[in-house]
Each structure stands twice: as structure tokens, then as C-alpha cells.
N, C-alpha and C. Protein backbone atom coordinates (compact mmCIF):
# COMPACT_ATOMS: atom_id res chain seq x y z
N UNK A 1 -49.52 86.66 62.70
CA UNK A 1 -48.82 85.49 63.20
C UNK A 1 -47.50 85.87 63.84
N UNK A 2 -46.91 86.93 63.43
CA UNK A 2 -45.60 87.30 63.94
C UNK A 2 -45.61 87.56 65.45
N UNK A 3 -46.75 87.91 66.02
CA UNK A 3 -46.79 88.17 67.45
C UNK A 3 -46.48 86.92 68.26
N UNK A 4 -46.64 85.74 67.66
CA UNK A 4 -46.35 84.49 68.36
C UNK A 4 -44.89 84.08 68.23
N UNK A 5 -44.14 84.74 67.37
CA UNK A 5 -42.76 84.34 67.10
C UNK A 5 -41.79 85.21 67.89
N UNK A 6 -41.74 84.95 69.20
CA UNK A 6 -40.94 85.79 70.08
C UNK A 6 -39.54 85.23 70.32
N UNK A 7 -39.41 83.92 70.30
CA UNK A 7 -38.11 83.29 70.60
C UNK A 7 -37.63 82.50 69.39
N UNK A 8 -36.40 82.08 69.44
CA UNK A 8 -35.85 81.24 68.38
C UNK A 8 -36.59 79.91 68.31
N UNK A 9 -37.02 79.40 69.45
CA UNK A 9 -37.79 78.15 69.48
C UNK A 9 -39.13 78.35 68.79
N UNK A 10 -39.80 79.48 69.02
CA UNK A 10 -41.05 79.80 68.33
C UNK A 10 -40.84 79.79 66.81
N UNK A 11 -39.77 80.42 66.37
CA UNK A 11 -39.49 80.53 64.94
C UNK A 11 -39.20 79.17 64.33
N UNK A 12 -38.47 78.34 65.06
CA UNK A 12 -38.13 77.00 64.57
C UNK A 12 -39.38 76.14 64.44
N UNK A 13 -40.23 76.15 65.47
CA UNK A 13 -41.45 75.36 65.43
C UNK A 13 -42.36 75.84 64.30
N UNK A 14 -42.52 77.13 64.17
CA UNK A 14 -43.35 77.70 63.10
C UNK A 14 -42.85 77.24 61.73
N UNK A 15 -41.56 77.30 61.53
CA UNK A 15 -40.98 76.91 60.25
C UNK A 15 -41.25 75.43 59.96
N UNK A 16 -41.05 74.59 60.95
CA UNK A 16 -41.30 73.15 60.76
C UNK A 16 -42.76 72.87 60.49
N UNK A 17 -43.64 73.50 61.25
CA UNK A 17 -45.07 73.28 61.05
C UNK A 17 -45.53 73.79 59.69
N UNK A 18 -45.00 74.91 59.26
CA UNK A 18 -45.37 75.50 57.97
C UNK A 18 -44.97 74.59 56.82
N UNK A 19 -43.86 73.88 56.96
CA UNK A 19 -43.44 72.92 55.93
C UNK A 19 -44.42 71.75 55.84
N UNK A 20 -45.01 71.39 56.97
CA UNK A 20 -45.94 70.27 57.02
C UNK A 20 -47.31 70.68 56.48
N UNK A 21 -47.81 71.81 56.96
CA UNK A 21 -49.13 72.28 56.50
C UNK A 21 -49.19 73.79 56.67
N UNK A 22 -49.22 74.50 55.57
CA UNK A 22 -49.24 75.96 55.58
C UNK A 22 -50.69 76.45 55.72
N UNK A 23 -51.20 76.33 56.94
CA UNK A 23 -52.58 76.72 57.25
C UNK A 23 -52.55 77.58 58.51
N UNK A 24 -53.08 78.80 58.42
CA UNK A 24 -52.99 79.73 59.56
C UNK A 24 -53.64 79.20 60.82
N UNK A 25 -54.79 78.54 60.72
CA UNK A 25 -55.44 78.00 61.91
C UNK A 25 -54.57 76.94 62.59
N UNK A 26 -53.97 76.09 61.80
CA UNK A 26 -53.06 75.06 62.33
C UNK A 26 -51.86 75.70 63.00
N UNK A 27 -51.22 76.63 62.30
CA UNK A 27 -50.01 77.28 62.83
C UNK A 27 -50.29 78.06 64.11
N UNK A 28 -51.35 78.85 64.11
CA UNK A 28 -51.68 79.65 65.30
C UNK A 28 -52.16 78.76 66.44
N UNK A 29 -52.93 77.73 66.10
CA UNK A 29 -53.44 76.83 67.14
C UNK A 29 -52.32 76.17 67.92
N UNK A 30 -51.37 75.61 67.20
CA UNK A 30 -50.24 74.95 67.87
C UNK A 30 -49.40 75.98 68.62
N UNK A 31 -49.16 77.12 68.00
CA UNK A 31 -48.31 78.15 68.61
C UNK A 31 -48.91 78.70 69.91
N UNK A 32 -50.21 78.80 69.98
CA UNK A 32 -50.83 79.32 71.20
C UNK A 32 -51.09 78.24 72.24
N UNK A 33 -51.23 77.00 71.78
CA UNK A 33 -51.48 75.89 72.70
C UNK A 33 -50.25 75.60 73.56
N UNK A 34 -49.09 75.61 72.95
CA UNK A 34 -47.84 75.35 73.67
C UNK A 34 -47.33 76.66 74.23
N UNK A 35 -47.24 76.74 75.55
CA UNK A 35 -47.03 78.03 76.20
C UNK A 35 -45.57 78.40 76.49
N UNK A 36 -44.68 77.43 76.44
CA UNK A 36 -43.28 77.79 76.73
C UNK A 36 -42.34 77.04 75.79
N UNK A 37 -41.08 77.48 75.80
CA UNK A 37 -40.09 76.90 74.89
C UNK A 37 -39.85 75.42 75.17
N UNK A 38 -39.97 74.99 76.41
CA UNK A 38 -39.76 73.57 76.73
C UNK A 38 -40.81 72.72 76.03
N UNK A 39 -42.07 73.14 76.11
CA UNK A 39 -43.14 72.40 75.44
C UNK A 39 -42.94 72.40 73.92
N UNK A 40 -42.58 73.54 73.40
CA UNK A 40 -42.37 73.65 71.96
C UNK A 40 -41.20 72.79 71.49
N UNK A 41 -40.16 72.72 72.30
CA UNK A 41 -38.99 71.92 71.93
C UNK A 41 -39.32 70.44 71.88
N UNK A 42 -40.21 69.98 72.75
CA UNK A 42 -40.63 68.58 72.71
C UNK A 42 -41.26 68.27 71.36
N UNK A 43 -42.14 69.14 70.90
CA UNK A 43 -42.79 68.93 69.61
C UNK A 43 -41.78 69.06 68.46
N UNK A 44 -40.88 70.01 68.55
CA UNK A 44 -39.83 70.16 67.54
C UNK A 44 -39.04 68.86 67.42
N UNK A 45 -38.65 68.29 68.55
CA UNK A 45 -37.87 67.05 68.53
C UNK A 45 -38.63 65.93 67.83
N UNK A 46 -39.92 65.82 68.12
CA UNK A 46 -40.74 64.78 67.50
C UNK A 46 -40.84 64.99 65.99
N UNK A 47 -41.02 66.22 65.57
CA UNK A 47 -41.10 66.51 64.13
C UNK A 47 -39.77 66.22 63.46
N UNK A 48 -38.68 66.60 64.10
CA UNK A 48 -37.36 66.35 63.52
C UNK A 48 -37.02 64.86 63.49
N UNK A 49 -37.71 64.08 64.31
CA UNK A 49 -37.53 62.63 64.30
C UNK A 49 -38.48 61.94 63.34
N UNK A 50 -39.20 62.72 62.53
CA UNK A 50 -39.99 62.13 61.46
C UNK A 50 -41.50 62.29 61.56
N UNK A 51 -42.00 62.88 62.62
CA UNK A 51 -43.44 63.07 62.75
C UNK A 51 -43.92 64.08 61.72
N UNK A 52 -44.87 63.67 60.87
CA UNK A 52 -45.39 64.55 59.83
C UNK A 52 -46.92 64.53 59.76
N UNK A 53 -47.56 63.63 60.48
CA UNK A 53 -49.02 63.49 60.44
C UNK A 53 -49.68 64.64 61.21
N UNK A 54 -50.49 65.42 60.52
CA UNK A 54 -51.09 66.62 61.10
C UNK A 54 -51.95 66.28 62.31
N UNK A 55 -52.76 65.25 62.21
CA UNK A 55 -53.63 64.88 63.34
C UNK A 55 -52.81 64.49 64.56
N UNK A 56 -51.78 63.71 64.35
CA UNK A 56 -50.94 63.29 65.47
C UNK A 56 -50.23 64.50 66.08
N UNK A 57 -49.77 65.41 65.25
CA UNK A 57 -49.12 66.63 65.75
C UNK A 57 -50.09 67.41 66.64
N UNK A 58 -51.34 67.53 66.20
CA UNK A 58 -52.33 68.28 67.00
C UNK A 58 -52.61 67.57 68.32
N UNK A 59 -52.80 66.25 68.28
CA UNK A 59 -53.03 65.50 69.52
C UNK A 59 -51.83 65.58 70.45
N UNK A 60 -50.64 65.46 69.88
CA UNK A 60 -49.43 65.51 70.68
C UNK A 60 -49.26 66.89 71.33
N UNK A 61 -49.52 67.95 70.58
CA UNK A 61 -49.42 69.30 71.13
C UNK A 61 -50.39 69.46 72.29
N UNK A 62 -51.58 68.92 72.16
CA UNK A 62 -52.57 68.99 73.24
C UNK A 62 -52.09 68.22 74.46
N UNK A 63 -51.53 67.04 74.24
CA UNK A 63 -51.00 66.25 75.37
C UNK A 63 -49.85 66.97 76.05
N UNK A 64 -48.96 67.55 75.27
CA UNK A 64 -47.82 68.29 75.83
C UNK A 64 -48.35 69.47 76.65
N UNK A 65 -49.30 70.19 76.12
CA UNK A 65 -49.88 71.34 76.83
C UNK A 65 -50.53 70.92 78.14
N UNK A 66 -51.12 69.72 78.16
CA UNK A 66 -51.76 69.19 79.37
C UNK A 66 -50.77 68.59 80.36
N UNK A 67 -49.49 68.58 79.97
CA UNK A 67 -48.46 68.07 80.87
C UNK A 67 -48.28 66.56 80.80
N UNK A 68 -48.88 65.92 79.80
CA UNK A 68 -48.73 64.47 79.65
C UNK A 68 -47.41 64.16 78.99
N UNK A 69 -46.82 63.05 79.35
CA UNK A 69 -45.56 62.65 78.76
C UNK A 69 -45.83 62.03 77.40
N UNK A 70 -45.04 62.43 76.41
CA UNK A 70 -45.23 61.90 75.06
C UNK A 70 -44.05 61.04 74.66
């Protein structure tokens, strides 16, 4: 998993996601789906604003990766 933690934003997102669900498939899936720090920061902001539902996080990460506004 450490190969995905290249930036401070990667580390922050990983930490937040791990608090929600400590599952390697979940953590790696989200980390590889979001390709840049801007996309990851959008999800970080949502989580810090109270998003904790795993299904919604996965759908939102997919929408962010597809360039959809969330």
C-alpha cells in the first residue's frame, strides 16, 4: 500500500479512509481510482464534512474520477 502514498494528500486520504474502514481492497481501490491530489482533496473535504458511509464514498470517488461535480 505504501507505493500509493506519495504525497501528503495521499497520506491524509489514506488515514481518513482507514479510520472509516480498514480494508485493503477499499483503501487501494479509492487510492488508485483518484489520480491526482485535486481529486483526492475533494473526497478528503467531503469526509471531513461528515461523510462516513462506505458505499457513498465509493460512488463519490467514482464520480470524482469521471470528472463529475459532487
